[in-house]
């Protein structure tokens, strides 16, 4: 089932973010969270977008039986932002798997 696989990959992603020390204890400001820029790139680092916007939104959709995005393309942003971070390759690969999983579900 796509929902179960997606939820599992989201949990793994959260673990990888923690393992790399990328989880923030302080949430972004309300203004930053309201950013309309793709990935809120004008208001917060990519890892904060993952932690405070992407992961909660995906869990919300799954928890409420709502439709997942028709197409998802998060991995290219991760590749761009983390291009020089070879130790982040697991997260980039995981995001690519999530992109494929969610997009293929349509």
PDB file of N, CA and C in Angstrom:
ATOM      1  N   UNK A   1       0.844  -1.181   0.000  1.00  0.00           N
ATOM      2  CA  UNK A   1       0.000   0.000   0.000  1.00  0.00           C
ATOM      3  C   UNK A   1       0.891   1.246   0.000  1.00  0.00           C
ATOM      4  N   UNK A   2       0.539   2.190  -0.858  1.00  0.00           N
ATOM      5  CA  UNK A   2       1.353   3.395  -1.017  1.00  0.00           C
ATOM      6  C   UNK A   2       1.423   4.203   0.277  1.00  0.00           C
ATOM      7  N   UNK A   3       0.317   4.319   0.975  1.00  0.00           N
ATOM      8  CA  UNK A   3       0.304   5.116   2.211  1.00  0.00           C
ATOM      9  C   UNK A   3       1.267   4.545   3.243  1.00  0.00           C
ATOM     10  N   UNK A   4       1.260   3.242   3.426  1.00  0.00           N
ATOM     11  CA  UNK A   4       2.155   2.620   4.406  1.00  0.00           C
ATOM     12  C   UNK A   4       3.615   2.777   4.003  1.00  0.00           C
ATOM     13  N   UNK A   5       3.909   2.568   2.729  1.00  0.00           N
ATOM     14  CA  UNK A   5       5.284   2.721   2.242  1.00  0.00           C
ATOM     15  C   UNK A   5       5.750   4.161   2.381  1.00  0.00           C
ATOM     16  N   UNK A   6       4.859   5.096   2.067  1.00  0.00           N
ATOM     17  CA  UNK A   6       5.199   6.518   2.181  1.00  0.00           C
ATOM     18  C   UNK A   6       5.468   6.877   3.635  1.00  0.00           C
ATOM     19  N   UNK A   7       4.594   6.447   4.518  1.00  0.00           N
ATOM     20  CA  UNK A   7       4.766   6.742   5.945  1.00  0.00           C
ATOM     21  C   UNK A   7       6.091   6.169   6.463  1.00  0.00           C
ATOM     22  N   UNK A   8       6.426   4.970   6.046  1.00  0.00           N
ATOM     23  CA  UNK A   8       7.683   4.340   6.455  1.00  0.00           C
ATOM     24  C   UNK A   8       8.884   5.152   5.973  1.00  0.00           C
ATOM     25  N   UNK A   9       8.848   5.583   4.729  1.00  0.00           N
ATOM     26  CA  UNK A   9       9.965   6.370   4.190  1.00  0.00           C
ATOM     27  C   UNK A   9      10.065   7.731   4.884  1.00  0.00           C
ATOM     28  N   UNK A  10       8.937   8.311   5.245  1.00  0.00           N
ATOM     29  CA  UNK A  10       8.960   9.579   5.979  1.00  0.00           C
ATOM     30  C   UNK A  10       9.623   9.399   7.341  1.00  0.00           C
ATOM     31  N   UNK A  11       9.324   8.302   7.997  1.00  0.00           N
ATOM     32  CA  UNK A  11       9.952   8.026   9.303  1.00  0.00           C
ATOM     33  C   UNK A  11      11.460   7.822   9.154  1.00  0.00           C
ATOM     34  N   UNK A  12      11.850   7.128   8.114  1.00  0.00           N
ATOM     35  CA  UNK A  12      13.281   6.927   7.860  1.00  0.00           C
ATOM     36  C   UNK A  12      13.951   8.271   7.589  1.00  0.00           C
ATOM     37  N   UNK A  13      13.293   9.129   6.807  1.00  0.00           N
ATOM     38  CA  UNK A  13      13.834  10.461   6.521  1.00  0.00           C
ATOM     39  C   UNK A  13      14.013  11.250   7.817  1.00  0.00           C
ATOM     40  N   UNK A  14      13.035  11.207   8.693  1.00  0.00           N
ATOM     41  CA  UNK A  14      13.155  11.898   9.982  1.00  0.00           C
ATOM     42  C   UNK A  14      14.361  11.378  10.762  1.00  0.00           C
ATOM     43  N   UNK A  15      14.554  10.085  10.738  1.00  0.00           N
ATOM     44  CA  UNK A  15      15.706   9.490  11.414  1.00  0.00           C
ATOM     45  C   UNK A  15      17.021   9.936  10.809  1.00  0.00           C
ATOM     46  N   UNK A  16      17.065  10.024   9.491  1.00  0.00           N
ATOM     47  CA  UNK A  16      18.287  10.480   8.811  1.00  0.00           C
ATOM     48  C   UNK A  16      18.579  11.944   9.133  1.00  0.00           C
ATOM     49  N   UNK A  17      17.539  12.770   9.154  1.00  0.00           N
ATOM     50  CA  UNK A  17      17.738  14.178   9.521  1.00  0.00           C
ATOM     51  C   UNK A  17      18.312  14.283  10.931  1.00  0.00           C
ATOM     52  N   UNK A  18      17.788  13.477  11.845  1.00  0.00           N
ATOM     53  CA  UNK A  18      18.293  13.475  13.223  1.00  0.00           C
ATOM     54  C   UNK A  18      19.733  12.980  13.259  1.00  0.00           C
ATOM     55  N   UNK A  19      20.008  11.905  12.548  1.00  0.00           N
ATOM     56  CA  UNK A  19      21.350  11.315  12.514  1.00  0.00           C
ATOM     57  C   UNK A  19      22.393  12.322  12.024  1.00  0.00           C
ATOM     58  N   UNK A  20      21.998  13.162  11.074  1.00  0.00           N
ATOM     59  CA  UNK A  20      22.919  14.162  10.526  1.00  0.00           C
ATOM     60  C   UNK A  20      22.942  15.446  11.359  1.00  0.00           C
ATOM     61  N   UNK A  21      22.165  15.497  12.421  1.00  0.00           N
ATOM     62  CA  UNK A  21      22.135  16.688  13.272  1.00  0.00           C
ATOM     63  C   UNK A  21      21.424  17.859  12.627  1.00  0.00           C
ATOM     64  N   UNK A  22      20.469  17.581  11.746  1.00  0.00           N
ATOM     65  CA  UNK A  22      19.797  18.638  10.999  1.00  0.00           C
ATOM     66  C   UNK A  22      18.440  19.040  11.572  1.00  0.00           C
ATOM     67  N   UNK A  23      18.012  18.387  12.630  1.00  0.00           N
ATOM     68  CA  UNK A  23      16.731  18.761  13.223  1.00  0.00           C
ATOM     69  C   UNK A  23      16.916  19.982  14.115  1.00  0.00           C
ATOM     70  N   UNK A  24      16.023  20.926  13.955  1.00  0.00           N
ATOM     71  CA  UNK A  24      16.072  22.159  14.728  1.00  0.00           C
ATOM     72  C   UNK A  24      15.104  22.068  15.898  1.00  0.00           C
ATOM     73  N   UNK A  25      15.532  22.543  17.047  1.00  0.00           N
ATOM     74  CA  UNK A  25      14.649  22.566  18.213  1.00  0.00           C
ATOM     75  C   UNK A  25      13.736  23.783  18.186  1.00  0.00           C
ATOM     76  N   UNK A  26      14.127  24.797  17.437  1.00  0.00           N
ATOM     77  CA  UNK A  26      13.357  26.027  17.357  1.00  0.00           C
ATOM     78  C   UNK A  26      12.663  26.113  16.007  1.00  0.00           C
ATOM     79  N   UNK A  27      11.344  26.170  16.004  1.00  0.00           N
ATOM     80  CA  UNK A  27      10.646  26.269  14.719  1.00  0.00           C
ATOM     81  C   UNK A  27      10.858  27.641  14.080  1.00  0.00           C
ATOM     82  N   UNK A  28      10.718  27.700  12.766  1.00  0.00           N
ATOM     83  CA  UNK A  28      10.806  28.993  12.081  1.00  0.00           C
ATOM     84  C   UNK A  28       9.656  29.901  12.528  1.00  0.00           C
ATOM     85  N   UNK A  29       9.796  31.172  12.263  1.00  0.00           N
ATOM     86  CA  UNK A  29       8.748  32.136  12.608  1.00  0.00           C
ATOM     87  C   UNK A  29       7.484  31.855  11.788  1.00  0.00           C
ATOM     88  N   UNK A  30       6.374  32.392  12.245  1.00  0.00           N
ATOM     89  CA  UNK A  30       5.111  32.255  11.497  1.00  0.00           C
ATOM     90  C   UNK A  30       5.262  32.834  10.095  1.00  0.00           C
ATOM     91  N   UNK A  31       5.997  33.941   9.997  1.00  0.00           N
ATOM     92  CA  UNK A  31       6.222  34.570   8.695  1.00  0.00           C
ATOM     93  C   UNK A  31       6.997  33.621   7.779  1.00  0.00           C
ATOM     94  N   UNK A  32       8.020  32.979   8.302  1.00  0.00           N
ATOM     95  CA  UNK A  32       8.803  32.039   7.500  1.00  0.00           C
ATOM     96  C   UNK A  32       7.944  30.853   7.075  1.00  0.00           C
ATOM     97  N   UNK A  33       7.122  30.352   7.989  1.00  0.00           N
ATOM     98  CA  UNK A  33       6.250  29.218   7.668  1.00  0.00           C
ATOM     99  C   UNK A  33       5.200  29.572   6.623  1.00  0.00           C
ATOM    100  N   UNK A  34       4.876  30.853   6.512  1.00  0.00           N
ATOM    101  CA  UNK A  34       3.875  31.306   5.542  1.00  0.00           C
ATOM    102  C   UNK A  34       4.481  31.606   4.172  1.00  0.00           C
ATOM    103  N   UNK A  35       5.764  31.404   4.007  1.00  0.00           N
ATOM    104  CA  UNK A  35       6.428  31.683   2.735  1.00  0.00           C
ATOM    105  C   UNK A  35       5.739  30.944   1.593  1.00  0.00           C
ATOM    106  N   UNK A  36       5.601  31.633   0.472  1.00  0.00           N
ATOM    107  CA  UNK A  36       5.014  31.006  -0.713  1.00  0.00           C
ATOM    108  C   UNK A  36       6.073  30.623  -1.739  1.00  0.00           C
ATOM    109  N   UNK A  37       7.322  30.892  -1.436  1.00  0.00           N
ATOM    110  CA  UNK A  37       8.408  30.512  -2.347  1.00  0.00           C
ATOM    111  C   UNK A  37       8.557  28.990  -2.341  1.00  0.00           C
ATOM    112  N   UNK A  38       8.946  28.414  -3.470  1.00  0.00           N
ATOM    113  CA  UNK A  38       9.165  26.963  -3.484  1.00  0.00           C
ATOM    114  C   UNK A  38      10.147  26.557  -2.384  1.00  0.00           C
ATOM    115  N   UNK A  39       9.786  25.546  -1.619  1.00  0.00           N
ATOM    116  CA  UNK A  39      10.610  25.033  -0.526  1.00  0.00           C
ATOM    117  C   UNK A  39      10.904  26.100   0.528  1.00  0.00           C
ATOM    118  N   UNK A  40      10.120  27.181   0.532  1.00  0.00           N
ATOM    119  CA  UNK A  40      10.322  28.303   1.457  1.00  0.00           C
ATOM    120  C   UNK A  40      11.782  28.743   1.451  1.00  0.00           C
ATOM    121  N   UNK A  41      12.390  28.673   0.261  1.00  0.00           N
ATOM    122  CA  UNK A  41      13.832  28.928   0.142  1.00  0.00           C
ATOM    123  C   UNK A  41      14.220  30.355   0.500  1.00  0.00           C
ATOM    124  N   UNK A  42      13.248  31.259   0.530  1.00  0.00           N
ATOM    125  CA  UNK A  42      13.540  32.639   0.903  1.00  0.00           C
ATOM    126  C   UNK A  42      13.494  32.856   2.412  1.00  0.00           C
ATOM    127  N   UNK A  43      13.049  31.825   3.154  1.00  0.00           N
ATOM    128  CA  UNK A  43      12.794  32.045   4.570  1.00  0.00           C
ATOM    129  C   UNK A  43      13.482  31.073   5.518  1.00  0.00           C
ATOM    130  N   UNK A  44      13.943  29.929   4.995  1.00  0.00           N
ATOM    131  CA  UNK A  44      14.539  28.930   5.889  1.00  0.00           C
ATOM    132  C   UNK A  44      15.417  27.978   5.096  1.00  0.00           C
ATOM    133  N   UNK A  45      16.352  27.319   5.776  1.00  0.00           N
ATOM    134  CA  UNK A  45      17.162  26.296   5.112  1.00  0.00           C
ATOM    135  C   UNK A  45      16.282  25.114   4.690  1.00  0.00           C
ATOM    136  N   UNK A  46      16.722  24.391   3.682  1.00  0.00           N
ATOM    137  CA  UNK A  46      15.973  23.256   3.142  1.00  0.00           C
ATOM    138  C   UNK A  46      15.623  22.232   4.216  1.00  0.00           C
ATOM    139  N   UNK A  47      16.580  21.942   5.106  1.00  0.00           N
ATOM    140  CA  UNK A  47      16.303  20.937   6.134  1.00  0.00           C
ATOM    141  C   UNK A  47      15.196  21.386   7.086  1.00  0.00           C
ATOM    142  N   UNK A  48      15.079  22.700   7.317  1.00  0.00           N
ATOM    143  CA  UNK A  48      13.967  23.189   8.137  1.00  0.00           C
ATOM    144  C   UNK A  48      12.647  23.057   7.381  1.00  0.00           C
ATOM    145  N   UNK A  49      12.683  23.292   6.077  1.00  0.00           N
ATOM    146  CA  UNK A  49      11.476  23.098   5.271  1.00  0.00           C
ATOM    147  C   UNK A  49      11.020  21.643   5.366  1.00  0.00           C
ATOM    148  N   UNK A  50      11.972  20.722   5.264  1.00  0.00           N
ATOM    149  CA  UNK A  50      11.624  19.306   5.400  1.00  0.00           C
ATOM    150  C   UNK A  50      10.995  19.041   6.765  1.00  0.00           C
ATOM    151  N   UNK A  51      11.636  19.539   7.816  1.00  0.00           N
ATOM    152  CA  UNK A  51      11.192  19.250   9.185  1.00  0.00           C
ATOM    153  C   UNK A  51       9.867  19.911   9.538  1.00  0.00           C
ATOM    154  N   UNK A  52       9.696  21.163   9.173  1.00  0.00           N
ATOM    155  CA  UNK A  52       8.558  21.927   9.671  1.00  0.00           C
ATOM    156  C   UNK A  52       7.411  22.104   8.676  1.00  0.00           C
ATOM    157  N   UNK A  53       7.657  21.826   7.403  1.00  0.00           N
ATOM    158  CA  UNK A  53       6.589  21.972   6.409  1.00  0.00           C
ATOM    159  C   UNK A  53       6.301  20.644   5.709  1.00  0.00           C
ATOM    160  N   UNK A  54       7.307  20.070   5.065  1.00  0.00           N
ATOM    161  CA  UNK A  54       7.097  18.858   4.268  1.00  0.00           C
ATOM    162  C   UNK A  54       6.627  17.669   5.108  1.00  0.00           C
ATOM    163  N   UNK A  55       7.386  17.307   6.127  1.00  0.00           N
ATOM    164  CA  UNK A  55       7.032  16.130   6.929  1.00  0.00           C
ATOM    165  C   UNK A  55       5.669  16.280   7.616  1.00  0.00           C
ATOM    166  N   UNK A  56       5.394  17.410   8.288  1.00  0.00           N
ATOM    167  CA  UNK A  56       4.063  17.542   8.906  1.00  0.00           C
ATOM    168  C   UNK A  56       2.922  17.491   7.884  1.00  0.00           C
ATOM    169  N   UNK A  57       3.121  18.116   6.726  1.00  0.00           N
ATOM    170  CA  UNK A  57       2.076  18.115   5.696  1.00  0.00           C
ATOM    171  C   UNK A  57       1.828  16.701   5.179  1.00  0.00           C
ATOM    172  N   UNK A  58       2.887  15.962   4.911  1.00  0.00           N
ATOM    173  CA  UNK A  58       2.733  14.595   4.414  1.00  0.00           C
ATOM    174  C   UNK A  58       2.059  13.716   5.465  1.00  0.00           C
ATOM    175  N   UNK A  59       2.461  13.846   6.722  1.00  0.00           N
ATOM    176  CA  UNK A  59       1.821  13.069   7.789  1.00  0.00           C
ATOM    177  C   UNK A  59       0.340  13.453   7.928  1.00  0.00           C
ATOM    178  N   UNK A  60       0.042  14.732   7.803  1.00  0.00           N
ATOM    179  CA  UNK A  60      -1.348  15.189   7.883  1.00  0.00           C
ATOM    180  C   UNK A  60      -2.190  14.540   6.786  1.00  0.00           C
ATOM    181  N   UNK A  61      -1.672  14.570   5.555  1.00  0.00           N
ATOM    182  CA  UNK A  61      -2.401  13.962   4.439  1.00  0.00           C
ATOM    183  C   UNK A  61      -2.639  12.477   4.687  1.00  0.00           C
ATOM    184  N   UNK A  62      -1.600  11.782   5.122  1.00  0.00           N
ATOM    185  CA  UNK A  62      -1.716  10.346   5.378  1.00  0.00           C
ATOM    186  C   UNK A  62      -2.658  10.054   6.544  1.00  0.00           C
ATOM    187  N   UNK A  63      -2.520  10.806   7.626  1.00  0.00           N
ATOM    188  CA  UNK A  63      -3.346  10.578   8.818  1.00  0.00           C
ATOM    189  C   UNK A  63      -4.832  10.791   8.551  1.00  0.00           C
ATOM    190  N   UNK A  64      -5.126  11.669   7.599  1.00  0.00           N
ATOM    191  CA  UNK A  64      -6.514  12.012   7.315  1.00  0.00           C
ATOM    192  C   UNK A  64      -7.048  11.351   6.047  1.00  0.00           C
ATOM    193  N   UNK A  65      -6.294  10.406   5.501  1.00  0.00           N
ATOM    194  CA  UNK A  65      -6.739   9.677   4.316  1.00  0.00           C
ATOM    195  C   UNK A  65      -6.916  10.551   3.091  1.00  0.00           C
ATOM    196  N   UNK A  66      -6.167  11.639   3.036  1.00  0.00           N
ATOM    197  CA  UNK A  66      -6.280  12.575   1.920  1.00  0.00           C
ATOM    198  C   UNK A  66      -5.339  12.163   0.798  1.00  0.00           C
ATOM    199  N   UNK A  67      -5.589  12.703  -0.377  1.00  0.00           N
ATOM    200  CA  UNK A  67      -4.757  12.399  -1.537  1.00  0.00           C
ATOM    201  C   UNK A  67      -3.366  12.990  -1.366  1.00  0.00           C
ATOM    202  N   UNK A  68      -2.385  12.210  -1.759  1.00  0.00           N
ATOM    203  CA  UNK A  68      -1.010  12.704  -1.789  1.00  0.00           C
ATOM    204  C   UNK A  68      -0.831  13.542  -3.049  1.00  0.00           C
ATOM    205  N   UNK A  69       0.223  14.349  -3.126  1.00  0.00           N
ATOM    206  CA  UNK A  69       0.431  15.164  -4.325  1.00  0.00           C
ATOM    207  C   UNK A  69       0.430  14.299  -5.590  1.00  0.00           C
ATOM    208  N   UNK A  70      -0.109  14.855  -6.670  1.00  0.00           N
ATOM    209  CA  UNK A  70      -0.170  14.117  -7.938  1.00  0.00           C
ATOM    210  C   UNK A  70       1.225  13.873  -8.499  1.00  0.00           C
ATOM    211  N   UNK A  71       2.101  14.801  -8.270  1.00  0.00           N
ATOM    212  CA  UNK A  71       3.498  14.664  -8.696  1.00  0.00           C
ATOM    213  C   UNK A  71       4.349  15.339  -7.635  1.00  0.00           C
ATOM    214  N   UNK A  72       5.463  14.737  -7.349  1.00  0.00           N
ATOM    215  CA  UNK A  72       6.331  15.283  -6.314  1.00  0.00           C
ATOM    216  C   UNK A  72       7.762  15.262  -6.824  1.00  0.00           C
ATOM    217  N   UNK A  73       8.481  16.333  -6.571  1.00  0.00           N
ATOM    218  CA  UNK A  73       9.857  16.430  -7.034  1.00  0.00           C
ATOM    219  C   UNK A  73      10.692  17.187  -6.004  1.00  0.00           C
ATOM    220  N   UNK A  74      10.967  16.522  -4.900  1.00  0.00           N
ATOM    221  CA  UNK A  74      11.736  17.119  -3.812  1.00  0.00           C
ATOM    222  C   UNK A  74      13.224  16.801  -3.954  1.00  0.00           C
ATOM    223  N   UNK A  75      13.546  15.622  -4.462  1.00  0.00           N
ATOM    224  CA  UNK A  75      14.945  15.192  -4.561  1.00  0.00           C
ATOM    225  C   UNK A  75      15.827  16.156  -5.355  1.00  0.00           C
ATOM    226  N   UNK A  76      15.360  16.729  -6.476  1.00  0.00           N
ATOM    227  CA  UNK A  76      16.235  17.660  -7.197  1.00  0.00           C
ATOM    228  C   UNK A  76      16.670  18.857  -6.348  1.00  0.00           C
ATOM    229  N   UNK A  77      15.784  19.338  -5.483  1.00  0.00           N
ATOM    230  CA  UNK A  77      16.165  20.439  -4.591  1.00  0.00           C
ATOM    231  C   UNK A  77      17.208  19.960  -3.597  1.00  0.00           C
ATOM    232  N   UNK A  78      17.022  18.761  -3.062  1.00  0.00           N
ATOM    233  CA  UNK A  78      18.006  18.200  -2.130  1.00  0.00           C
ATOM    234  C   UNK A  78      19.359  18.044  -2.815  1.00  0.00           C
ATOM    235  N   UNK A  79      19.345  17.555  -4.048  1.00  0.00           N
ATOM    236  CA  UNK A  79      20.598  17.403  -4.802  1.00  0.00           C
ATOM    237  C   UNK A  79      21.290  18.745  -4.978  1.00  0.00           C
ATOM    238  N   UNK A  80      20.502  19.778  -5.252  1.00  0.00           N
ATOM    239  CA  UNK A  80      21.065  21.118  -5.449  1.00  0.00           C
ATOM    240  C   UNK A  80      21.629  21.682  -4.142  1.00  0.00           C
ATOM    241  N   UNK A  81      20.824  21.641  -3.100  1.00  0.00           N
ATOM    242  CA  UNK A  81      21.216  22.239  -1.818  1.00  0.00           C
ATOM    243  C   UNK A  81      22.367  21.481  -1.169  1.00  0.00           C
ATOM    244  N   UNK A  82      22.342  20.171  -1.278  1.00  0.00           N
ATOM    245  CA  UNK A  82      23.336  19.334  -0.608  1.00  0.00           C
ATOM    246  C   UNK A  82      24.377  18.772  -1.577  1.00  0.00           C
ATOM    247  N   UNK A  83      24.616  19.451  -2.677  1.00  0.00           N
ATOM    248  CA  UNK A  83      25.532  18.955  -3.714  1.00  0.00           C
ATOM    249  C   UNK A  83      26.915  18.605  -3.168  1.00  0.00           C
ATOM    250  N   UNK A  84      27.395  19.352  -2.205  1.00  0.00           N
ATOM    251  CA  UNK A  84      28.743  19.115  -1.672  1.00  0.00           C
ATOM    252  C   UNK A  84      28.734  18.293  -0.380  1.00  0.00           C
ATOM    253  N   UNK A  85      27.593  17.741  -0.025  1.00  0.00           N
ATOM    254  CA  UNK A  85      27.458  16.972   1.223  1.00  0.00           C
ATOM    255  C   UNK A  85      27.322  15.483   0.901  1.00  0.00           C
ATOM    256  N   UNK A  86      28.433  14.809   0.720  1.00  0.00           N
ATOM    257  CA  UNK A  86      28.375  13.387   0.354  1.00  0.00           C
ATOM    258  C   UNK A  86      27.732  12.541   1.448  1.00  0.00           C
ATOM    259  N   UNK A  87      27.821  12.974   2.687  1.00  0.00           N
ATOM    260  CA  UNK A  87      27.217  12.209   3.783  1.00  0.00           C
ATOM    261  C   UNK A  87      25.692  12.354   3.830  1.00  0.00           C
ATOM    262  N   UNK A  88      25.117  13.178   2.969  1.00  0.00           N
ATOM    263  CA  UNK A  88      23.665  13.337   2.895  1.00  0.00           C
ATOM    264  C   UNK A  88      23.064  12.494   1.771  1.00  0.00           C
ATOM    265  N   UNK A  89      23.876  11.691   1.106  1.00  0.00           N
ATOM    266  CA  UNK A  89      23.413  10.924  -0.048  1.00  0.00           C
ATOM    267  C   UNK A  89      22.232  10.014   0.300  1.00  0.00           C
ATOM    268  N   UNK A  90      22.228   9.439   1.493  1.00  0.00           N
ATOM    269  CA  UNK A  90      21.098   8.587   1.893  1.00  0.00           C
ATOM    270  C   UNK A  90      19.788   9.365   1.895  1.00  0.00           C
ATOM    271  N   UNK A  91      19.827  10.604   2.366  1.00  0.00           N
ATOM    272  CA  UNK A  91      18.608  11.414   2.393  1.00  0.00           C
ATOM    273  C   UNK A  91      18.169  11.784   0.984  1.00  0.00           C
ATOM    274  N   UNK A  92      19.126  12.105   0.129  1.00  0.00           N
ATOM    275  CA  UNK A  92      18.792  12.434  -1.257  1.00  0.00           C
ATOM    276  C   UNK A  92      18.156  11.223  -1.933  1.00  0.00           C
ATOM    277  N   UNK A  93      18.742  10.057  -1.734  1.00  0.00           N
ATOM    278  CA  UNK A  93      18.190   8.829  -2.321  1.00  0.00           C
ATOM    279  C   UNK A  93      16.797   8.537  -1.774  1.00  0.00           C
ATOM    280  N   UNK A  94      16.616   8.748  -0.499  1.00  0.00           N
ATOM    281  CA  UNK A  94      15.317   8.515   0.123  1.00  0.00           C
ATOM    282  C   UNK A  94      14.265   9.471  -0.433  1.00  0.00           C
ATOM    283  N   UNK A  95      14.636  10.724  -0.626  1.00  0.00           N
ATOM    284  CA  UNK A  95      13.702  11.689  -1.212  1.00  0.00           C
ATOM    285  C   UNK A  95      13.361  11.311  -2.648  1.00  0.00           C
ATOM    286  N   UNK A  96      14.341  10.802  -3.390  1.00  0.00           N
ATOM    287  CA  UNK A  96      14.076  10.337  -4.759  1.00  0.00           C
ATOM    288  C   UNK A  96      13.099   9.161  -4.738  1.00  0.00           C
ATOM    289  N   UNK A  97      13.266   8.258  -3.783  1.00  0.00           N
ATOM    290  CA  UNK A  97      12.330   7.132  -3.639  1.00  0.00           C
ATOM    291  C   UNK A  97      10.925   7.636  -3.315  1.00  0.00           C
ATOM    292  N   UNK A  98      10.832   8.608  -2.430  1.00  0.00           N
ATOM    293  CA  UNK A  98       9.526   9.190  -2.095  1.00  0.00           C
ATOM    294  C   UNK A  98       8.896   9.854  -3.312  1.00  0.00           C
ATOM    295  N   UNK A  99       9.698  10.605  -4.069  1.00  0.00           N
ATOM    296  CA  UNK A  99       9.195  11.240  -5.291  1.00  0.00           C
ATOM    297  C   UNK A  99       8.585  10.194  -6.217  1.00  0.00           C
ATOM    298  N   UNK A 100       9.329   9.116  -6.451  1.00  0.00           N
ATOM    299  CA  UNK A 100       8.848   8.055  -7.353  1.00  0.00           C
ATOM    300  C   UNK A 100       7.604   7.375  -6.789  1.00  0.00           C
ATOM    301  N   UNK A 101       7.631   7.058  -5.527  1.00  0.00           N
ATOM    302  CA  UNK A 101       6.523   6.351  -4.892  1.00  0.00           C
ATOM    303  C   UNK A 101       5.227   7.155  -4.978  1.00  0.00           C
ATOM    304  N   UNK A 102       5.291   8.414  -4.604  1.00  0.00           N
ATOM    305  CA  UNK A 102       4.095   9.255  -4.592  1.00  0.00           C
ATOM    306  C   UNK A 102       3.628   9.545  -6.015  1.00  0.00           C
ATOM    307  N   UNK A 103       4.553   9.851  -6.911  1.00  0.00           N
ATOM    308  CA  UNK A 103       4.183  10.175  -8.291  1.00  0.00           C
ATOM    309  C   UNK A 103       3.633   8.956  -9.025  1.00  0.00           C
ATOM    310  N   UNK A 104       4.169   7.772  -8.720  1.00  0.00           N
ATOM    311  CA  UNK A 104       3.728   6.546  -9.378  1.00  0.00           C
ATOM    312  C   UNK A 104       2.335   6.131  -8.909  1.00  0.00           C
ATOM    313  N   UNK A 105       1.939   6.592  -7.753  1.00  0.00           N
ATOM    314  CA  UNK A 105       0.640   6.220  -7.189  1.00  0.00           C
ATOM    315  C   UNK A 105      -0.515   6.811  -7.994  1.00  0.00           C
ATOM    316  N   UNK A 106      -0.234   7.724  -8.850  1.00  0.00           N
ATOM    317  CA  UNK A 106      -1.285   8.374  -9.660  1.00  0.00           C
ATOM    318  C   UNK A 106      -1.549   7.614 -10.914  1.00  0.00           C
TER     319      UNK A 106
END
